[in-house]
N, C-alpha and C. Protein backbone atom coordinates (compact mmCIF):
# COMPACT_ATOMS: atom_id res chain seq x y z
N MET A 1 154.29 213.65 217.02
CA MET A 1 153.22 214.07 215.72
C MET A 1 154.29 212.90 215.43
N LEU A 2 153.19 211.94 214.08
CA LEU A 2 153.14 210.94 213.73
C LEU A 2 154.97 210.65 213.00
N LYS A 3 155.63 209.75 213.33
CA LYS A 3 157.05 209.31 212.75
C LYS A 3 157.04 208.18 212.42
N ASN A 4 155.77 207.69 211.75
CA ASN A 4 156.88 205.99 211.24
C ASN A 4 155.15 205.14 211.34
N ILE A 5 154.91 204.08 209.74
CA ILE A 5 154.09 203.25 210.07
C ILE A 5 154.60 201.80 211.25
N ASP A 6 154.40 201.44 211.95
CA ASP A 6 154.52 200.48 212.96
C ASP A 6 153.85 198.96 213.17
N CYS A 7 153.05 198.75 211.53
CA CYS A 7 152.34 198.04 211.95
C CYS A 7 150.51 197.98 210.91
N VAL A 8 151.22 197.22 209.92
CA VAL A 8 149.85 197.01 208.43
C VAL A 8 149.69 196.17 209.33
N LEU A 9 147.34 196.08 209.80
CA LEU A 9 146.47 194.81 210.01
C LEU A 9 145.14 194.74 209.23
N ILE A 10 144.95 193.40 209.29
CA ILE A 10 144.67 192.86 208.44
C ILE A 10 143.03 192.42 208.75
N TRP A 11 142.09 192.61 209.10
CA TRP A 11 141.39 191.84 209.81
C TRP A 11 139.75 191.33 208.93
N THR A 12 139.74 190.00 209.63
CA THR A 12 139.30 188.52 208.83
C THR A 12 138.34 188.15 209.31
N ASP A 13 137.96 186.70 208.83
CA ASP A 13 137.02 186.46 209.60
C ASP A 13 136.74 185.25 209.42
N ASN A 14 138.26 184.73 208.84
CA ASN A 14 138.61 183.95 208.30
C ASN A 14 140.23 183.70 208.12
N LEU A 15 141.29 183.62 210.04
CA LEU A 15 141.81 183.40 209.71
C LEU A 15 143.33 182.04 209.74
N GLU A 16 141.91 180.81 209.71
CA GLU A 16 143.04 180.56 209.15
C GLU A 16 143.80 179.96 207.56
N GLU A 17 142.09 180.74 206.81
CA GLU A 17 143.19 180.01 205.91
C GLU A 17 143.72 181.82 205.43
N MET A 18 143.61 182.13 205.51
CA MET A 18 144.46 184.05 205.85
C MET A 18 146.04 183.01 206.20
N ARG A 19 146.36 182.60 207.40
CA ARG A 19 147.27 182.21 207.82
C ARG A 19 147.89 181.86 206.56
N LYS A 20 147.21 180.45 206.59
CA LYS A 20 147.56 179.58 205.31
C LYS A 20 148.19 180.42 204.09
N PHE A 21 147.91 181.35 203.22
CA PHE A 21 148.07 182.05 202.60
C PHE A 21 149.56 182.15 202.73
N TYR A 22 149.40 183.60 204.32
CA TYR A 22 150.17 184.19 204.95
C TYR A 22 152.33 183.37 204.87
N SER A 23 151.61 182.70 205.24
CA SER A 23 152.63 181.73 206.15
C SER A 23 153.38 181.12 205.30
N GLU A 24 152.49 180.03 204.41
CA GLU A 24 152.63 178.85 203.72
C GLU A 24 152.72 179.40 202.05
N THR A 25 152.05 180.43 201.96
CA THR A 25 151.93 180.71 199.74
C THR A 25 153.52 182.16 200.13
N LEU A 26 153.09 183.02 201.03
CA LEU A 26 154.10 184.12 201.09
C LEU A 26 155.42 183.81 201.24
N GLY A 27 155.50 182.92 202.01
CA GLY A 27 156.89 182.39 203.22
C GLY A 27 156.72 183.31 203.76
N MET A 28 156.07 184.45 204.80
CA MET A 28 156.06 185.00 205.81
C MET A 28 156.96 184.48 206.85
N LYS A 29 157.04 185.40 207.80
CA LYS A 29 157.62 184.53 209.36
C LYS A 29 156.85 184.65 210.28
N GLU A 30 156.25 183.39 211.31
CA GLU A 30 155.12 183.99 211.80
C GLU A 30 156.49 184.14 213.33
N MET A 31 155.74 185.32 213.65
CA MET A 31 156.60 185.96 215.19
C MET A 31 155.81 186.01 216.68
N LEU A 32 154.44 185.59 216.17
CA LEU A 32 154.28 185.43 217.67
C LEU A 32 152.01 185.35 217.49
N GLU A 33 152.26 184.63 218.07
CA GLU A 33 150.48 184.39 218.01
C GLU A 33 149.73 184.40 219.18
N MET A 34 148.86 185.22 218.96
CA MET A 34 147.96 185.70 220.58
C MET A 34 146.56 184.97 219.93
N ASN A 35 146.08 184.58 221.71
CA ASN A 35 145.01 183.54 220.81
C ASN A 35 143.58 183.97 222.29
N HIS A 36 144.18 185.15 222.94
CA HIS A 36 142.78 185.73 223.42
C HIS A 36 141.53 186.00 222.72
N PRO A 37 140.50 185.71 223.66
CA PRO A 37 139.01 185.96 223.91
C PRO A 37 139.05 186.88 222.83
N LYS A 38 139.91 188.75 223.31
CA LYS A 38 139.19 189.96 222.64
C LYS A 38 140.98 190.28 221.68
N ASP A 39 141.72 188.92 221.66
CA ASP A 39 142.38 189.54 220.24
C ASP A 39 143.00 188.65 220.22
N THR A 40 142.35 188.09 219.09
CA THR A 40 143.26 186.81 218.50
C THR A 40 143.49 187.18 217.29
N GLY A 41 145.21 186.42 217.20
CA GLY A 41 145.93 186.82 215.74
C GLY A 41 147.50 186.34 215.32
N ILE A 42 148.23 186.58 214.33
CA ILE A 42 149.09 186.23 214.13
C ILE A 42 150.24 187.43 213.41
N LEU A 43 150.89 187.69 214.62
CA LEU A 43 152.56 188.96 213.58
C LEU A 43 152.88 188.32 212.81
N TYR A 44 152.87 189.42 212.14
CA TYR A 44 154.28 188.68 211.13
C TYR A 44 155.18 189.87 211.42
N GLU A 45 156.52 189.26 210.98
CA GLU A 45 157.76 190.47 211.36
C GLU A 45 158.44 190.47 210.08
N PHE A 46 159.27 191.87 209.71
CA PHE A 46 159.85 191.55 208.74
C PHE A 46 161.39 191.90 209.39
N ALA A 47 162.73 191.80 208.32
CA ALA A 47 163.80 192.34 208.85
C ALA A 47 164.10 194.08 209.17
N SER A 48 163.27 194.83 208.37
CA SER A 48 163.19 196.16 208.87
C SER A 48 161.86 196.60 208.43
N GLY A 49 161.07 198.01 208.18
CA GLY A 49 160.18 198.02 208.37
C GLY A 49 158.95 197.80 209.51
N PRO A 50 157.82 197.96 209.02
CA PRO A 50 156.53 198.38 210.34
C PRO A 50 156.36 196.06 210.15
N GLN A 51 154.94 196.42 210.75
CA GLN A 51 155.04 195.22 211.77
C GLN A 51 153.56 194.56 210.95
N PHE A 52 153.56 193.42 210.16
CA PHE A 52 151.84 192.97 210.07
C PHE A 52 150.95 192.01 210.60
N TRP A 53 150.14 192.42 211.00
CA TRP A 53 149.17 191.34 211.12
C TRP A 53 147.92 190.64 210.75
N ILE A 54 147.95 189.71 211.33
CA ILE A 54 146.10 189.55 210.41
C ILE A 54 145.58 189.25 211.62
N GLY A 55 144.54 189.08 212.02
CA GLY A 55 143.37 188.86 213.13
C GLY A 55 141.50 188.96 212.94
N LEU A 56 141.18 188.67 214.17
CA LEU A 56 139.90 188.29 213.78
C LEU A 56 139.28 189.23 214.44
N HIS A 57 138.28 189.74 213.93
CA HIS A 57 137.60 190.82 214.30
C HIS A 57 136.15 190.23 214.06
N SER A 58 135.33 190.96 215.56
CA SER A 58 134.19 191.09 215.07
C SER A 58 133.36 191.15 214.31
N LYS A 59 133.49 192.28 213.53
CA LYS A 59 132.77 193.34 212.58
C LYS A 59 133.61 193.36 211.02
N VAL A 60 134.27 192.38 211.16
CA VAL A 60 134.36 191.59 209.73
C VAL A 60 133.81 190.23 208.77
N LYS A 61 132.84 190.22 208.25
CA LYS A 61 132.13 189.27 207.86
C LYS A 61 133.02 189.35 206.13
N GLY A 62 133.36 188.06 205.49
CA GLY A 62 133.25 187.96 204.33
C GLY A 62 134.40 188.51 203.92
N GLU A 63 134.28 188.33 202.43
CA GLU A 63 135.37 188.83 201.47
C GLU A 63 135.56 190.23 201.94
N ASN A 64 135.75 191.15 200.65
CA ASN A 64 136.36 192.37 201.06
C ASN A 64 135.49 193.04 199.93
N GLN A 65 134.34 193.84 199.97
CA GLN A 65 133.66 193.85 199.41
C GLN A 65 134.21 195.27 198.28
N ASP A 66 135.81 196.29 198.47
CA ASP A 66 135.87 196.89 198.08
C ASP A 66 137.12 197.29 198.12
N SER A 67 137.95 196.22 197.87
CA SER A 67 139.38 195.81 197.65
C SER A 67 140.57 197.19 196.63
N ALA A 68 139.64 197.49 196.57
CA ALA A 68 140.61 198.90 195.46
C ALA A 68 140.45 200.32 196.60
N ARG A 69 140.17 199.77 197.53
CA ARG A 69 139.75 201.20 198.64
C ARG A 69 141.52 201.26 198.99
N HIS A 70 142.70 199.62 199.64
CA HIS A 70 143.95 200.01 200.08
C HIS A 70 144.46 199.24 199.21
N MET A 71 145.60 198.88 199.29
CA MET A 71 147.10 198.22 198.18
C MET A 71 147.93 198.25 199.28
N ILE A 72 148.60 197.55 199.84
CA ILE A 72 149.89 197.23 200.31
C ILE A 72 151.09 196.43 199.61
N ASN A 73 152.63 197.06 199.31
CA ASN A 73 153.58 196.73 198.83
C ASN A 73 154.66 195.98 199.18
N PHE A 74 154.53 194.59 198.39
CA PHE A 74 155.67 193.24 199.68
C PHE A 74 156.85 194.32 198.64
N LEU A 75 158.11 194.66 199.23
CA LEU A 75 159.16 194.84 198.54
C LEU A 75 160.01 193.40 198.30
N VAL A 76 160.16 193.24 196.69
CA VAL A 76 160.94 191.82 196.52
C VAL A 76 161.81 192.32 196.40
N ASP A 77 163.69 191.50 195.76
CA ASP A 77 164.08 191.42 195.10
C ASP A 77 163.80 191.32 193.44
N SER A 78 163.44 190.57 192.71
CA SER A 78 162.97 190.86 191.16
C SER A 78 161.63 190.49 191.10
N VAL A 79 160.61 191.42 190.05
CA VAL A 79 158.58 191.47 190.60
C VAL A 79 158.91 189.60 190.00
N GLU A 80 159.76 189.81 188.42
CA GLU A 80 158.85 188.76 187.47
C GLU A 80 159.39 187.27 188.27
N LYS A 81 160.35 187.18 188.93
CA LYS A 81 161.06 186.07 189.15
C LYS A 81 159.37 185.76 190.66
N THR A 82 159.54 186.20 191.49
CA THR A 82 158.21 186.02 192.26
C THR A 82 156.66 186.17 191.75
N TYR A 83 156.83 187.11 190.57
CA TYR A 83 155.60 186.45 190.01
C TYR A 83 155.23 185.39 189.73
N GLN A 84 156.50 184.73 189.30
CA GLN A 84 156.58 183.33 188.66
C GLN A 84 156.38 182.27 189.75
N GLU A 85 157.02 182.14 191.22
CA GLU A 85 157.05 181.60 192.02
C GLU A 85 155.08 181.98 192.64
N LEU A 86 154.82 182.66 192.60
CA LEU A 86 154.01 182.57 193.84
C LEU A 86 152.91 182.47 192.70
N LYS A 87 152.43 183.08 190.83
CA LYS A 87 151.84 181.79 190.40
C LYS A 87 151.23 180.22 190.19
N SER A 88 152.61 179.92 190.28
CA SER A 88 153.22 178.53 190.19
C SER A 88 152.33 177.97 191.79
N LYS A 89 151.77 178.71 192.89
CA LYS A 89 151.44 178.21 193.71
C LYS A 89 150.13 178.46 193.98
N GLY A 90 149.80 179.75 192.99
CA GLY A 90 147.82 179.32 192.26
C GLY A 90 147.69 180.82 193.22
N VAL A 91 148.87 181.34 193.30
CA VAL A 91 147.83 182.87 193.42
C VAL A 91 147.27 183.52 192.59
N LYS A 92 146.27 184.75 192.66
CA LYS A 92 145.22 185.43 191.75
C LYS A 92 145.96 186.17 191.67
N PHE A 93 146.28 186.57 190.64
CA PHE A 93 147.00 187.95 190.05
C PHE A 93 145.92 188.78 188.78
N VAL A 94 145.53 190.01 189.33
CA VAL A 94 145.01 191.30 188.91
C VAL A 94 145.33 191.79 187.74
N ALA A 95 146.91 191.77 188.00
CA ALA A 95 147.54 192.33 187.52
C ALA A 95 149.31 191.60 186.84
N GLU A 96 149.58 191.50 185.73
CA GLU A 96 150.78 190.59 185.57
C GLU A 96 152.08 191.74 185.65
N PRO A 97 153.18 191.42 186.35
CA PRO A 97 154.44 192.32 185.86
C PRO A 97 154.05 193.90 184.97
N PHE A 98 154.25 194.57 185.93
CA PHE A 98 154.72 196.34 184.65
C PHE A 98 155.28 196.43 185.52
N GLU A 99 155.39 197.84 184.20
CA GLU A 99 156.99 199.48 184.41
C GLU A 99 155.38 200.25 185.43
N ALA A 100 156.01 200.63 185.89
CA ALA A 100 155.51 201.79 186.00
C ALA A 100 154.70 203.48 185.19
N PRO A 101 154.39 203.36 185.59
CA PRO A 101 154.05 204.60 184.13
C PRO A 101 154.83 205.58 184.21
N THR A 102 155.39 205.96 185.38
CA THR A 102 156.54 207.00 185.60
C THR A 102 158.32 206.47 185.72
N GLY A 103 157.62 205.37 185.26
CA GLY A 103 159.58 204.07 184.99
C GLY A 103 160.28 204.85 186.19
N GLY A 104 161.03 203.35 185.89
CA GLY A 104 161.78 203.35 187.14
C GLY A 104 161.67 201.49 187.80
N SER A 105 159.76 201.72 187.97
CA SER A 105 159.66 200.76 189.06
C SER A 105 158.79 199.76 188.55
N PHE A 106 158.55 198.71 189.14
CA PHE A 106 157.78 197.40 188.47
C PHE A 106 157.10 196.36 189.37
N PHE A 107 155.92 196.20 189.21
CA PHE A 107 155.26 196.09 190.12
C PHE A 107 153.86 194.67 189.81
N ALA A 108 153.47 193.85 190.17
CA ALA A 108 152.37 193.06 190.05
C ALA A 108 151.43 192.82 191.15
N THR A 109 150.13 192.52 191.40
CA THR A 109 149.55 192.64 191.86
C THR A 109 148.20 191.47 192.02
N PHE A 110 148.09 191.39 193.35
CA PHE A 110 148.20 189.99 193.68
C PHE A 110 146.61 190.04 194.37
N GLU A 111 145.50 189.04 194.54
CA GLU A 111 144.86 188.83 195.96
C GLU A 111 145.37 187.57 196.84
N ASP A 112 144.59 188.38 198.03
CA ASP A 112 145.44 187.60 199.44
C ASP A 112 143.35 186.72 199.01
N PRO A 113 143.67 185.65 200.29
CA PRO A 113 141.94 184.92 200.58
C PRO A 113 140.71 185.60 201.16
N ASP A 114 140.92 186.52 200.76
CA ASP A 114 139.89 187.57 201.73
C ASP A 114 139.56 188.60 200.87
N GLY A 115 140.48 188.81 199.71
CA GLY A 115 140.12 189.06 198.13
C GLY A 115 141.03 191.07 198.62
N ASN A 116 141.67 190.72 199.05
CA ASN A 116 142.55 191.50 199.24
C ASN A 116 143.37 192.17 198.86
N LEU A 117 143.78 193.51 198.11
CA LEU A 117 144.97 193.69 196.91
C LEU A 117 146.46 194.15 197.80
N LEU A 118 147.09 192.85 197.29
CA LEU A 118 148.64 193.14 197.46
C LEU A 118 149.63 193.77 196.16
N GLN A 119 150.49 194.00 196.56
CA GLN A 119 151.31 193.89 194.72
C GLN A 119 152.81 193.29 195.60
N LEU A 120 153.41 193.56 194.72
CA LEU A 120 154.84 192.97 194.76
C LEU A 120 155.97 194.11 194.10
N TRP A 121 156.83 194.53 194.40
CA TRP A 121 157.16 196.02 194.28
C TRP A 121 158.78 195.83 194.03
N SER A 122 159.68 195.93 193.58
CA SER A 122 160.69 195.92 192.70
C SER A 122 161.24 196.98 192.30
N LYS A 123 162.53 197.64 192.01
CA LYS A 123 163.34 198.64 191.19
C LYS A 123 163.50 197.88 189.95
N LYS A 124 163.78 196.38 189.71
CA LYS A 124 164.71 195.69 189.00
C LYS A 124 163.00 194.34 188.20
N LYS A 125 162.40 194.57 187.13
CA LYS A 125 161.46 193.46 186.80
C LYS A 125 162.12 192.32 186.67
């Protein structure tokens, strides 16, 4: 049966803008680039946890029309520090740093160029 999440995929029709955002703005490390006619994209890998893939898909056009349907959380050392760093790079935040209603966790929510919701997460603000 299911064991773990292996890879998170985000499909786009604007690979270069998404690449710039994830690689340069967020500082994610590219591990592999594929340029196959039926499988084009970029794979990012973290020290632990699932891999992250941004790829072209023929059925994806334009920005995400239902951004609240899913959200990806990125673990950081400090939500406030990372929020300030990304904000200075022009990242569009839809929620400034806040503590979860249940307490003990802090979040800040932002969008990528396609309008997908992403979130910073940490145990400390």
